[in-house]
Amino acid sequence: MDRIALTILQIINDRIFPYAKRNYASWNEPSRENTVSPFFLPRMPPKAEGFTAVVLTYNRVESLFKIIKEISKTPSLSKILVVWNNQEMSPPAG
């Protein structure tokens, strides 16, 4: 039962984090010393697999630019999406 459970967790891990998935050889010829537990995931994804920050704002332009500046310092950031939620005022120019 332990091996079945660990195999299922590894398959789920491979599908959620495709950049860290095991190759054909590691599935068919597993080595005991290089076995990676699916319970321990990488702390940060590679830059290519980074996250997208979504910032919802209404009318606080100064704090918006401060937040964008701080978020952009994150190493694993891929994109920043700003959702301007004010129909009466146009968003500021970049």
PDB file of N, CA and C in Angstrom:
ATOM      1  N   MET A   1       0.813  -1.195   0.000  1.00  0.00           N
ATOM      2  CA  MET A   1       0.000   0.000   0.000  1.00  0.00           C
ATOM      3  C   MET A   1       0.863   1.267   0.000  1.00  0.00           C
ATOM      4  N   ASP A   2       1.992   1.224   0.717  1.00  0.00           N
ATOM      5  CA  ASP A   2       2.865   2.403   0.761  1.00  0.00           C
ATOM      6  C   ASP A   2       3.378   2.773  -0.623  1.00  0.00           C
ATOM      7  N   ARG A   3       3.816   1.772  -1.367  1.00  0.00           N
ATOM      8  CA  ARG A   3       4.365   2.038  -2.709  1.00  0.00           C
ATOM      9  C   ARG A   3       3.296   2.561  -3.656  1.00  0.00           C
ATOM     10  N   ILE A   4       2.090   2.031  -3.549  1.00  0.00           N
ATOM     11  CA  ILE A   4       0.994   2.495  -4.399  1.00  0.00           C
ATOM     12  C   ILE A   4       0.666   3.948  -4.074  1.00  0.00           C
ATOM     13  N   ALA A   5       0.587   4.261  -2.790  1.00  0.00           N
ATOM     14  CA  ALA A   5       0.284   5.631  -2.386  1.00  0.00           C
ATOM     15  C   ALA A   5       1.373   6.598  -2.852  1.00  0.00           C
ATOM     16  N   LEU A   6       2.630   6.226  -2.690  1.00  0.00           N
ATOM     17  CA  LEU A   6       3.724   7.097  -3.130  1.00  0.00           C
ATOM     18  C   LEU A   6       3.744   7.258  -4.653  1.00  0.00           C
ATOM     19  N   THR A   7       3.412   6.201  -5.381  1.00  0.00           N
ATOM     20  CA  THR A   7       3.352   6.288  -6.840  1.00  0.00           C
ATOM     21  C   THR A   7       2.242   7.235  -7.280  1.00  0.00           C
ATOM     22  N   ILE A   8       1.082   7.137  -6.649  1.00  0.00           N
ATOM     23  CA  ILE A   8      -0.026   8.040  -6.973  1.00  0.00           C
ATOM     24  C   ILE A   8       0.352   9.480  -6.673  1.00  0.00           C
ATOM     25  N   LEU A   9       0.988   9.715  -5.539  1.00  0.00           N
ATOM     26  CA  LEU A   9       1.418  11.078  -5.199  1.00  0.00           C
ATOM     27  C   LEU A   9       2.460  11.601  -6.186  1.00  0.00           C
ATOM     28  N   GLN A  10       3.353  10.734  -6.640  1.00  0.00           N
ATOM     29  CA  GLN A  10       4.360  11.155  -7.618  1.00  0.00           C
ATOM     30  C   GLN A  10       3.710  11.500  -8.956  1.00  0.00           C
ATOM     31  N   ILE A  11       2.719  10.734  -9.380  1.00  0.00           N
ATOM     32  CA  ILE A  11       2.002  11.028 -10.629  1.00  0.00           C
ATOM     33  C   ILE A  11       1.288  12.371 -10.529  1.00  0.00           C
ATOM     34  N   ILE A  12       0.635  12.621  -9.402  1.00  0.00           N
ATOM     35  CA  ILE A  12      -0.025  13.923  -9.193  1.00  0.00           C
ATOM     36  C   ILE A  12       1.001  15.041  -9.209  1.00  0.00           C
ATOM     37  N   ASN A  13       2.129  14.840  -8.540  1.00  0.00           N
ATOM     38  CA  ASN A  13       3.191  15.843  -8.515  1.00  0.00           C
ATOM     39  C   ASN A  13       3.713  16.118  -9.924  1.00  0.00           C
ATOM     40  N   ASP A  14       3.876  15.078 -10.739  1.00  0.00           N
ATOM     41  CA  ASP A  14       4.353  15.250 -12.120  1.00  0.00           C
ATOM     42  C   ASP A  14       3.372  16.057 -12.957  1.00  0.00           C
ATOM     43  N   ARG A  15       2.105  15.897 -12.706  1.00  0.00           N
ATOM     44  CA  ARG A  15       1.105  16.637 -13.486  1.00  0.00           C
ATOM     45  C   ARG A  15       0.955  18.075 -13.018  1.00  0.00           C
ATOM     46  N   ILE A  16       1.129  18.318 -11.734  1.00  0.00           N
ATOM     47  CA  ILE A  16       1.021  19.689 -11.218  1.00  0.00           C
ATOM     48  C   ILE A  16       2.276  20.481 -11.538  1.00  0.00           C
ATOM     49  N   PHE A  17       3.439  19.855 -11.413  1.00  0.00           N
ATOM     50  CA  PHE A  17       4.727  20.509 -11.658  1.00  0.00           C
ATOM     51  C   PHE A  17       5.450  19.782 -12.788  1.00  0.00           C
ATOM     52  N   PRO A  18       5.060  20.030 -14.052  1.00  0.00           N
ATOM     53  CA  PRO A  18       5.653  19.281 -15.172  1.00  0.00           C
ATOM     54  C   PRO A  18       7.146  19.521 -15.344  1.00  0.00           C
ATOM     55  N   TYR A  19       7.674  20.646 -14.874  1.00  0.00           N
ATOM     56  CA  TYR A  19       9.109  20.910 -15.005  1.00  0.00           C
ATOM     57  C   TYR A  19       9.941  20.016 -14.096  1.00  0.00           C
ATOM     58  N   ALA A  20       9.315  19.443 -13.073  1.00  0.00           N
ATOM     59  CA  ALA A  20      10.047  18.593 -12.131  1.00  0.00           C
ATOM     60  C   ALA A  20       9.684  17.120 -12.269  1.00  0.00           C
ATOM     61  N   LYS A  21       8.972  16.770 -13.347  1.00  0.00           N
ATOM     62  CA  LYS A  21       8.505  15.393 -13.456  1.00  0.00           C
ATOM     63  C   LYS A  21       9.638  14.419 -13.761  1.00  0.00           C
ATOM     64  N   ARG A  22       9.392  13.176 -13.414  1.00  0.00           N
ATOM     65  CA  ARG A  22      10.371  12.120 -13.621  1.00  0.00           C
ATOM     66  C   ARG A  22      10.347  11.681 -15.075  1.00  0.00           C
ATOM     67  N   ASN A  23      11.498  11.272 -15.573  1.00  0.00           N
ATOM     68  CA  ASN A  23      11.573  10.797 -16.959  1.00  0.00           C
ATOM     69  C   ASN A  23      11.307   9.285 -17.013  1.00  0.00           C
ATOM     70  N   TYR A  24      11.346   8.746 -18.214  1.00  0.00           N
ATOM     71  CA  TYR A  24      11.040   7.337 -18.436  1.00  0.00           C
ATOM     72  C   TYR A  24      11.958   6.420 -17.624  1.00  0.00           C
ATOM     73  N   ALA A  25      13.239   6.718 -17.628  1.00  0.00           N
ATOM     74  CA  ALA A  25      14.201   5.865 -16.924  1.00  0.00           C
ATOM     75  C   ALA A  25      13.963   5.863 -15.416  1.00  0.00           C
ATOM     76  N   SER A  26      13.639   7.007 -14.845  1.00  0.00           N
ATOM     77  CA  SER A  26      13.441   7.047 -13.397  1.00  0.00           C
ATOM     78  C   SER A  26      12.164   6.326 -12.970  1.00  0.00           C
ATOM     79  N   TRP A  27      11.167   6.257 -13.861  1.00  0.00           N
ATOM     80  CA  TRP A  27       9.964   5.488 -13.537  1.00  0.00           C
ATOM     81  C   TRP A  27      10.232   3.989 -13.634  1.00  0.00           C
ATOM     82  N   ASN A  28      11.043   3.576 -14.604  1.00  0.00           N
ATOM     83  CA  ASN A  28      11.246   2.152 -14.845  1.00  0.00           C
ATOM     84  C   ASN A  28      12.475   1.578 -14.166  1.00  0.00           C
ATOM     85  N   GLU A  29      13.428   2.396 -13.815  1.00  0.00           N
ATOM     86  CA  GLU A  29      14.631   1.940 -13.125  1.00  0.00           C
ATOM     87  C   GLU A  29      14.921   2.877 -11.960  1.00  0.00           C
ATOM     88  N   PRO A  30      14.059   2.881 -10.948  1.00  0.00           N
ATOM     89  CA  PRO A  30      14.274   3.822  -9.846  1.00  0.00           C
ATOM     90  C   PRO A  30      15.491   3.457  -9.004  1.00  0.00           C
ATOM     91  N   SER A  31      16.249   4.446  -8.633  1.00  0.00           N
ATOM     92  CA  SER A  31      17.375   4.232  -7.722  1.00  0.00           C
ATOM     93  C   SER A  31      16.947   4.711  -6.344  1.00  0.00           C
ATOM     94  N   ARG A  32      17.345   4.009  -5.341  1.00  0.00           N
ATOM     95  CA  ARG A  32      16.917   4.306  -3.969  1.00  0.00           C
ATOM     96  C   ARG A  32      17.484   5.635  -3.454  1.00  0.00           C
ATOM     97  N   GLU A  33      18.707   5.966  -3.800  1.00  0.00           N
ATOM     98  CA  GLU A  33      19.319   7.178  -3.243  1.00  0.00           C
ATOM     99  C   GLU A  33      18.827   8.465  -3.897  1.00  0.00           C
ATOM    100  N   ASN A  34      18.284   8.403  -5.106  1.00  0.00           N
ATOM    101  CA  ASN A  34      17.804   9.613  -5.778  1.00  0.00           C
ATOM    102  C   ASN A  34      16.284   9.742  -5.756  1.00  0.00           C
ATOM    103  N   THR A  35      15.630   8.982  -4.902  1.00  0.00           N
ATOM    104  CA  THR A  35      14.183   9.041  -4.837  1.00  0.00           C
ATOM    105  C   THR A  35      13.748  10.356  -4.202  1.00  0.00           C
ATOM    106  N   VAL A  36      12.864  11.063  -4.899  1.00  0.00           N
ATOM    107  CA  VAL A  36      12.358  12.340  -4.408  1.00  0.00           C
ATOM    108  C   VAL A  36      10.961  12.118  -3.863  1.00  0.00           C
ATOM    109  N   SER A  37      10.750  12.517  -2.647  1.00  0.00           N
ATOM    110  CA  SER A  37       9.439  12.373  -2.046  1.00  0.00           C
ATOM    111  C   SER A  37       8.494  13.424  -2.612  1.00  0.00           C
ATOM    112  N   PRO A  38       7.284  13.036  -2.995  1.00  0.00           N
ATOM    113  CA  PRO A  38       6.341  14.022  -3.520  1.00  0.00           C
ATOM    114  C   PRO A  38       5.852  14.998  -2.457  1.00  0.00           C
ATOM    115  N   PHE A  39       6.161  14.731  -1.189  1.00  0.00           N
ATOM    116  CA  PHE A  39       5.757  15.642  -0.127  1.00  0.00           C
ATOM    117  C   PHE A  39       6.622  16.888  -0.065  1.00  0.00           C
ATOM    118  N   PHE A  40       7.803  16.837  -0.659  1.00  0.00           N
ATOM    119  CA  PHE A  40       8.713  17.966  -0.634  1.00  0.00           C
ATOM    120  C   PHE A  40       8.814  18.561  -2.028  1.00  0.00           C
ATOM    121  N   LEU A  41       8.137  19.668  -2.240  1.00  0.00           N
ATOM    122  CA  LEU A  41       8.119  20.315  -3.536  1.00  0.00           C
ATOM    123  C   LEU A  41       9.148  21.439  -3.556  1.00  0.00           C
ATOM    124  N   PRO A  42       9.585  21.849  -4.733  1.00  0.00           N
ATOM    125  CA  PRO A  42      10.551  22.939  -4.798  1.00  0.00           C
ATOM    126  C   PRO A  42       9.972  24.217  -4.207  1.00  0.00           C
ATOM    127  N   ARG A  43      10.823  24.995  -3.554  1.00  0.00           N
ATOM    128  CA  ARG A  43      10.358  26.234  -2.943  1.00  0.00           C
ATOM    129  C   ARG A  43       9.976  27.280  -3.979  1.00  0.00           C
ATOM    130  N   MET A  44      10.745  27.345  -5.066  1.00  0.00           N
ATOM    131  CA  MET A  44      10.454  28.321  -6.107  1.00  0.00           C
ATOM    132  C   MET A  44      10.528  27.643  -7.466  1.00  0.00           C
ATOM    133  N   PRO A  45       9.547  27.899  -8.319  1.00  0.00           N
ATOM    134  CA  PRO A  45       9.610  27.328  -9.656  1.00  0.00           C
ATOM    135  C   PRO A  45      10.650  28.050 -10.493  1.00  0.00           C
ATOM    136  N   PRO A  46      11.114  27.434 -11.569  1.00  0.00           N
ATOM    137  CA  PRO A  46      12.036  28.137 -12.462  1.00  0.00           C
ATOM    138  C   PRO A  46      11.377  29.388 -13.037  1.00  0.00           C
ATOM    139  N   LYS A  47      12.186  30.342 -13.461  1.00  0.00           N
ATOM    140  CA  LYS A  47      11.675  31.612 -13.996  1.00  0.00           C
ATOM    141  C   LYS A  47      10.671  31.381 -15.128  1.00  0.00           C
ATOM    142  N   ALA A  48      10.926  30.399 -15.986  1.00  0.00           N
ATOM    143  CA  ALA A  48      10.020  30.122 -17.098  1.00  0.00           C
ATOM    144  C   ALA A  48       8.662  29.637 -16.606  1.00  0.00           C
ATOM    145  N   GLU A  49       8.620  29.029 -15.447  1.00  0.00           N
ATOM    146  CA  GLU A  49       7.383  28.511 -14.881  1.00  0.00           C
ATOM    147  C   GLU A  49       6.876  29.400 -13.754  1.00  0.00           C
ATOM    148  N   GLY A  50       7.312  30.645 -13.707  1.00  0.00           N
ATOM    149  CA  GLY A  50       6.966  31.553 -12.618  1.00  0.00           C
ATOM    150  C   GLY A  50       5.480  31.850 -12.535  1.00  0.00           C
ATOM    151  N   PHE A  51       5.115  32.637 -11.537  1.00  0.00           N
ATOM    152  CA  PHE A  51       3.712  32.927 -11.309  1.00  0.00           C
ATOM    153  C   PHE A  51       3.326  34.277 -11.897  1.00  0.00           C
ATOM    154  N   THR A  52       2.027  34.469 -12.057  1.00  0.00           N
ATOM    155  CA  THR A  52       1.476  35.738 -12.516  1.00  0.00           C
ATOM    156  C   THR A  52       0.819  36.411 -11.326  1.00  0.00           C
ATOM    157  N   ALA A  53       1.238  37.631 -11.022  1.00  0.00           N
ATOM    158  CA  ALA A  53       0.630  38.401  -9.943  1.00  0.00           C
ATOM    159  C   ALA A  53      -0.558  39.170 -10.509  1.00  0.00           C
ATOM    160  N   VAL A  54      -1.700  39.063  -9.851  1.00  0.00           N
ATOM    161  CA  VAL A  54      -2.904  39.779 -10.260  1.00  0.00           C
ATOM    162  C   VAL A  54      -3.185  40.832  -9.196  1.00  0.00           C
ATOM    163  N   VAL A  55      -3.204  42.091  -9.616  1.00  0.00           N
ATOM    164  CA  VAL A  55      -3.419  43.205  -8.701  1.00  0.00           C
ATOM    165  C   VAL A  55      -4.724  43.889  -9.084  1.00  0.00           C
ATOM    166  N   LEU A  56      -5.661  43.909  -8.157  1.00  0.00           N
ATOM    167  CA  LEU A  56      -6.936  44.576  -8.367  1.00  0.00           C
ATOM    168  C   LEU A  56      -6.860  45.952  -7.717  1.00  0.00           C
ATOM    169  N   THR A  57      -7.167  46.999  -8.466  1.00  0.00           N
ATOM    170  CA  THR A  57      -7.090  48.349  -7.925  1.00  0.00           C
ATOM    171  C   THR A  57      -8.281  49.168  -8.382  1.00  0.00           C
ATOM    172  N   TYR A  58      -8.554  50.225  -7.648  1.00  0.00           N
ATOM    173  CA  TYR A  58      -9.693  51.079  -7.956  1.00  0.00           C
ATOM    174  C   TYR A  58      -9.249  52.507  -8.241  1.00  0.00           C
ATOM    175  N   ASN A  59      -8.651  53.164  -7.261  1.00  0.00           N
ATOM    176  CA  ASN A  59      -8.310  54.567  -7.452  1.00  0.00           C
ATOM    177  C   ASN A  59      -7.079  54.967  -6.661  1.00  0.00           C
ATOM    178  N   ARG A  60      -6.213  54.045  -6.347  1.00  0.00           N
ATOM    179  CA  ARG A  60      -5.028  54.343  -5.544  1.00  0.00           C
ATOM    180  C   ARG A  60      -3.784  54.179  -6.407  1.00  0.00           C
ATOM    181  N   VAL A  61      -3.511  55.185  -7.190  1.00  0.00           N
ATOM    182  CA  VAL A  61      -2.438  55.119  -8.176  1.00  0.00           C
ATOM    183  C   VAL A  61      -1.071  55.027  -7.504  1.00  0.00           C
ATOM    184  N   GLU A  62      -0.842  55.835  -6.467  1.00  0.00           N
ATOM    185  CA  GLU A  62       0.466  55.819  -5.800  1.00  0.00           C
ATOM    186  C   GLU A  62       0.773  54.455  -5.196  1.00  0.00           C
ATOM    187  N   SER A  63      -0.193  53.887  -4.490  1.00  0.00           N
ATOM    188  CA  SER A  63       0.054  52.578  -3.879  1.00  0.00           C
ATOM    189  C   SER A  63       0.153  51.482  -4.942  1.00  0.00           C
ATOM    190  N   LEU A  64      -0.537  51.661  -6.065  1.00  0.00           N
ATOM    191  CA  LEU A  64      -0.437  50.693  -7.162  1.00  0.00           C
ATOM    192  C   LEU A  64       0.993  50.597  -7.666  1.00  0.00           C
ATOM    193  N   PHE A  65       1.615  51.721  -7.909  1.00  0.00           N
ATOM    194  CA  PHE A  65       2.996  51.709  -8.410  1.00  0.00           C
ATOM    195  C   PHE A  65       3.970  51.182  -7.356  1.00  0.00           C
ATOM    196  N   LYS A  66       3.705  51.448  -6.081  1.00  0.00           N
ATOM    197  CA  LYS A  66       4.554  50.896  -5.015  1.00  0.00           C
ATOM    198  C   LYS A  66       4.457  49.369  -4.983  1.00  0.00           C
ATOM    199  N   ILE A  67       3.240  48.861  -5.104  1.00  0.00           N
ATOM    200  CA  ILE A  67       3.044  47.407  -5.076  1.00  0.00           C
ATOM    201  C   ILE A  67       3.695  46.749  -6.289  1.00  0.00           C
ATOM    202  N   ILE A  68       3.533  47.351  -7.453  1.00  0.00           N
ATOM    203  CA  ILE A  68       4.155  46.793  -8.662  1.00  0.00           C
ATOM    204  C   ILE A  68       5.676  46.765  -8.513  1.00  0.00           C
ATOM    205  N   LYS A  69       6.229  47.819  -7.937  1.00  0.00           N
ATOM    206  CA  LYS A  69       7.683  47.880  -7.738  1.00  0.00           C
ATOM    207  C   LYS A  69       8.150  46.769  -6.791  1.00  0.00           C
ATOM    208  N   GLU A  70       7.402  46.537  -5.715  1.00  0.00           N
ATOM    209  CA  GLU A  70       7.786  45.505  -4.746  1.00  0.00           C
ATOM    210  C   GLU A  70       7.590  44.095  -5.313  1.00  0.00           C
ATOM    211  N   ILE A  71       6.493  43.874  -5.987  1.00  0.00           N
ATOM    212  CA  ILE A  71       6.233  42.543  -6.565  1.00  0.00           C
ATOM    213  C   ILE A  71       7.275  42.199  -7.617  1.00  0.00           C
ATOM    214  N   SER A  72       7.715  43.198  -8.376  1.00  0.00           N
ATOM    215  CA  SER A  72       8.675  42.930  -9.454  1.00  0.00           C
ATOM    216  C   SER A  72      10.033  42.452  -8.944  1.00  0.00           C
ATOM    217  N   LYS A  73      10.292  42.583  -7.655  1.00  0.00           N
ATOM    218  CA  LYS A  73      11.551  42.114  -7.069  1.00  0.00           C
ATOM    219  C   LYS A  73      11.558  40.597  -6.840  1.00  0.00           C
ATOM    220  N   THR A  74      10.414  39.955  -6.949  1.00  0.00           N
ATOM    221  CA  THR A  74      10.307  38.517  -6.706  1.00  0.00           C
ATOM    222  C   THR A  74      10.978  37.739  -7.840  1.00  0.00           C
ATOM    223  N   PRO A  75      11.921  36.840  -7.527  1.00  0.00           N
ATOM    224  CA  PRO A  75      12.668  36.141  -8.575  1.00  0.00           C
ATOM    225  C   PRO A  75      11.811  35.241  -9.470  1.00  0.00           C
ATOM    226  N   SER A  76      10.744  34.661  -8.935  1.00  0.00           N
ATOM    227  CA  SER A  76       9.958  33.718  -9.727  1.00  0.00           C
ATOM    228  C   SER A  76       8.758  34.366 -10.426  1.00  0.00           C
ATOM    229  N   LEU A  77       8.712  35.691 -10.463  1.00  0.00           N
ATOM    230  CA  LEU A  77       7.606  36.392 -11.113  1.00  0.00           C
ATOM    231  C   LEU A  77       7.716  36.288 -12.624  1.00  0.00           C
ATOM    232  N   SER A  78       6.616  35.931 -13.262  1.00  0.00           N
ATOM    233  CA  SER A  78       6.587  35.841 -14.715  1.00  0.00           C
ATOM    234  C   SER A  78       5.871  37.047 -15.327  1.00  0.00           C
ATOM    235  N   LYS A  79       4.715  37.410 -14.760  1.00  0.00           N
ATOM    236  CA  LYS A  79       3.916  38.513 -15.290  1.00  0.00           C
ATOM    237  C   LYS A  79       3.210  39.238 -14.158  1.00  0.00           C
ATOM    238  N   ILE A  80       2.818  40.486 -14.432  1.00  0.00           N
ATOM    239  CA  ILE A  80       1.963  41.239 -13.528  1.00  0.00           C
ATOM    240  C   ILE A  80       0.742  41.673 -14.325  1.00  0.00           C
ATOM    241  N   LEU A  81      -0.435  41.333 -13.816  1.00  0.00           N
ATOM    242  CA  LEU A  81      -1.693  41.708 -14.449  1.00  0.00           C
ATOM    243  C   LEU A  81      -2.406  42.678 -13.515  1.00  0.00           C
ATOM    244  N   VAL A  82      -2.666  43.900 -13.999  1.00  0.00           N
ATOM    245  CA  VAL A  82      -3.360  44.900 -13.198  1.00  0.00           C
ATOM    246  C   VAL A  82      -4.792  44.996 -13.701  1.00  0.00           C
ATOM    247  N   VAL A  83      -5.732  44.807 -12.786  1.00  0.00           N
ATOM    248  CA  VAL A  83      -7.148  44.922 -13.111  1.00  0.00           C
ATOM    249  C   VAL A  83      -7.625  46.268 -12.572  1.00  0.00           C
ATOM    250  N   TRP A  84      -7.931  47.173 -13.482  1.00  0.00           N
ATOM    251  CA  TRP A  84      -8.380  48.518 -13.108  1.00  0.00           C
ATOM    252  C   TRP A  84      -9.894  48.459 -12.957  1.00  0.00           C
ATOM    253  N   ASN A  85     -10.391  48.702 -11.746  1.00  0.00           N
ATOM    254  CA  ASN A  85     -11.798  48.517 -11.427  1.00  0.00           C
ATOM    255  C   ASN A  85     -12.492  49.857 -11.168  1.00  0.00           C
ATOM    256  N   ASN A  86     -12.282  50.822 -12.052  1.00  0.00           N
ATOM    257  CA  ASN A  86     -12.911  52.131 -11.912  1.00  0.00           C
ATOM    258  C   ASN A  86     -13.455  52.542 -13.275  1.00  0.00           C
ATOM    259  N   GLN A  87     -14.766  52.500 -13.432  1.00  0.00           N
ATOM    260  CA  GLN A  87     -15.366  52.824 -14.722  1.00  0.00           C
ATOM    261  C   GLN A  87     -15.430  54.310 -14.982  1.00  0.00           C
ATOM    262  N   GLU A  88     -15.298  55.133 -13.964  1.00  0.00           N
ATOM    263  CA  GLU A  88     -15.410  56.569 -14.119  1.00  0.00           C
ATOM    264  C   GLU A  88     -14.083  57.250 -14.420  1.00  0.00           C
ATOM    265  N   MET A  89     -12.991  56.552 -14.227  1.00  0.00           N
ATOM    266  CA  MET A  89     -11.662  57.142 -14.411  1.00  0.00           C
ATOM    267  C   MET A  89     -10.795  56.192 -15.218  1.00  0.00           C
ATOM    268  N   SER A  90     -10.038  56.723 -16.165  1.00  0.00           N
ATOM    269  CA  SER A  90      -9.145  55.890 -16.961  1.00  0.00           C
ATOM    270  C   SER A  90      -7.926  55.479 -16.145  1.00  0.00           C
ATOM    271  N   PRO A  91      -7.362  54.311 -16.438  1.00  0.00           N
ATOM    272  CA  PRO A  91      -6.143  53.907 -15.720  1.00  0.00           C
ATOM    273  C   PRO A  91      -4.983  54.823 -16.072  1.00  0.00           C
ATOM    274  N   PRO A  92      -4.015  54.962 -15.170  1.00  0.00           N
ATOM    275  CA  PRO A  92      -2.872  55.845 -15.439  1.00  0.00           C
ATOM    276  C   PRO A  92      -1.970  55.249 -16.520  1.00  0.00           C
ATOM    277  N   ALA A  93      -1.300  56.112 -17.234  1.00  0.00           N
ATOM    278  CA  ALA A  93      -0.319  55.668 -18.233  1.00  0.00           C
ATOM    279  C   ALA A  93       0.923  55.192 -17.509  1.00  0.00           C
ATOM    280  N   GLY A  94       1.484  54.070 -17.968  1.00  0.00           N
ATOM    281  CA  GLY A  94       2.589  53.391 -17.362  1.00  0.00           C
ATOM    282  C   GLY A  94       3.755  54.145 -16.982  1.00  0.00           C
TER     283      GLY A  94
END
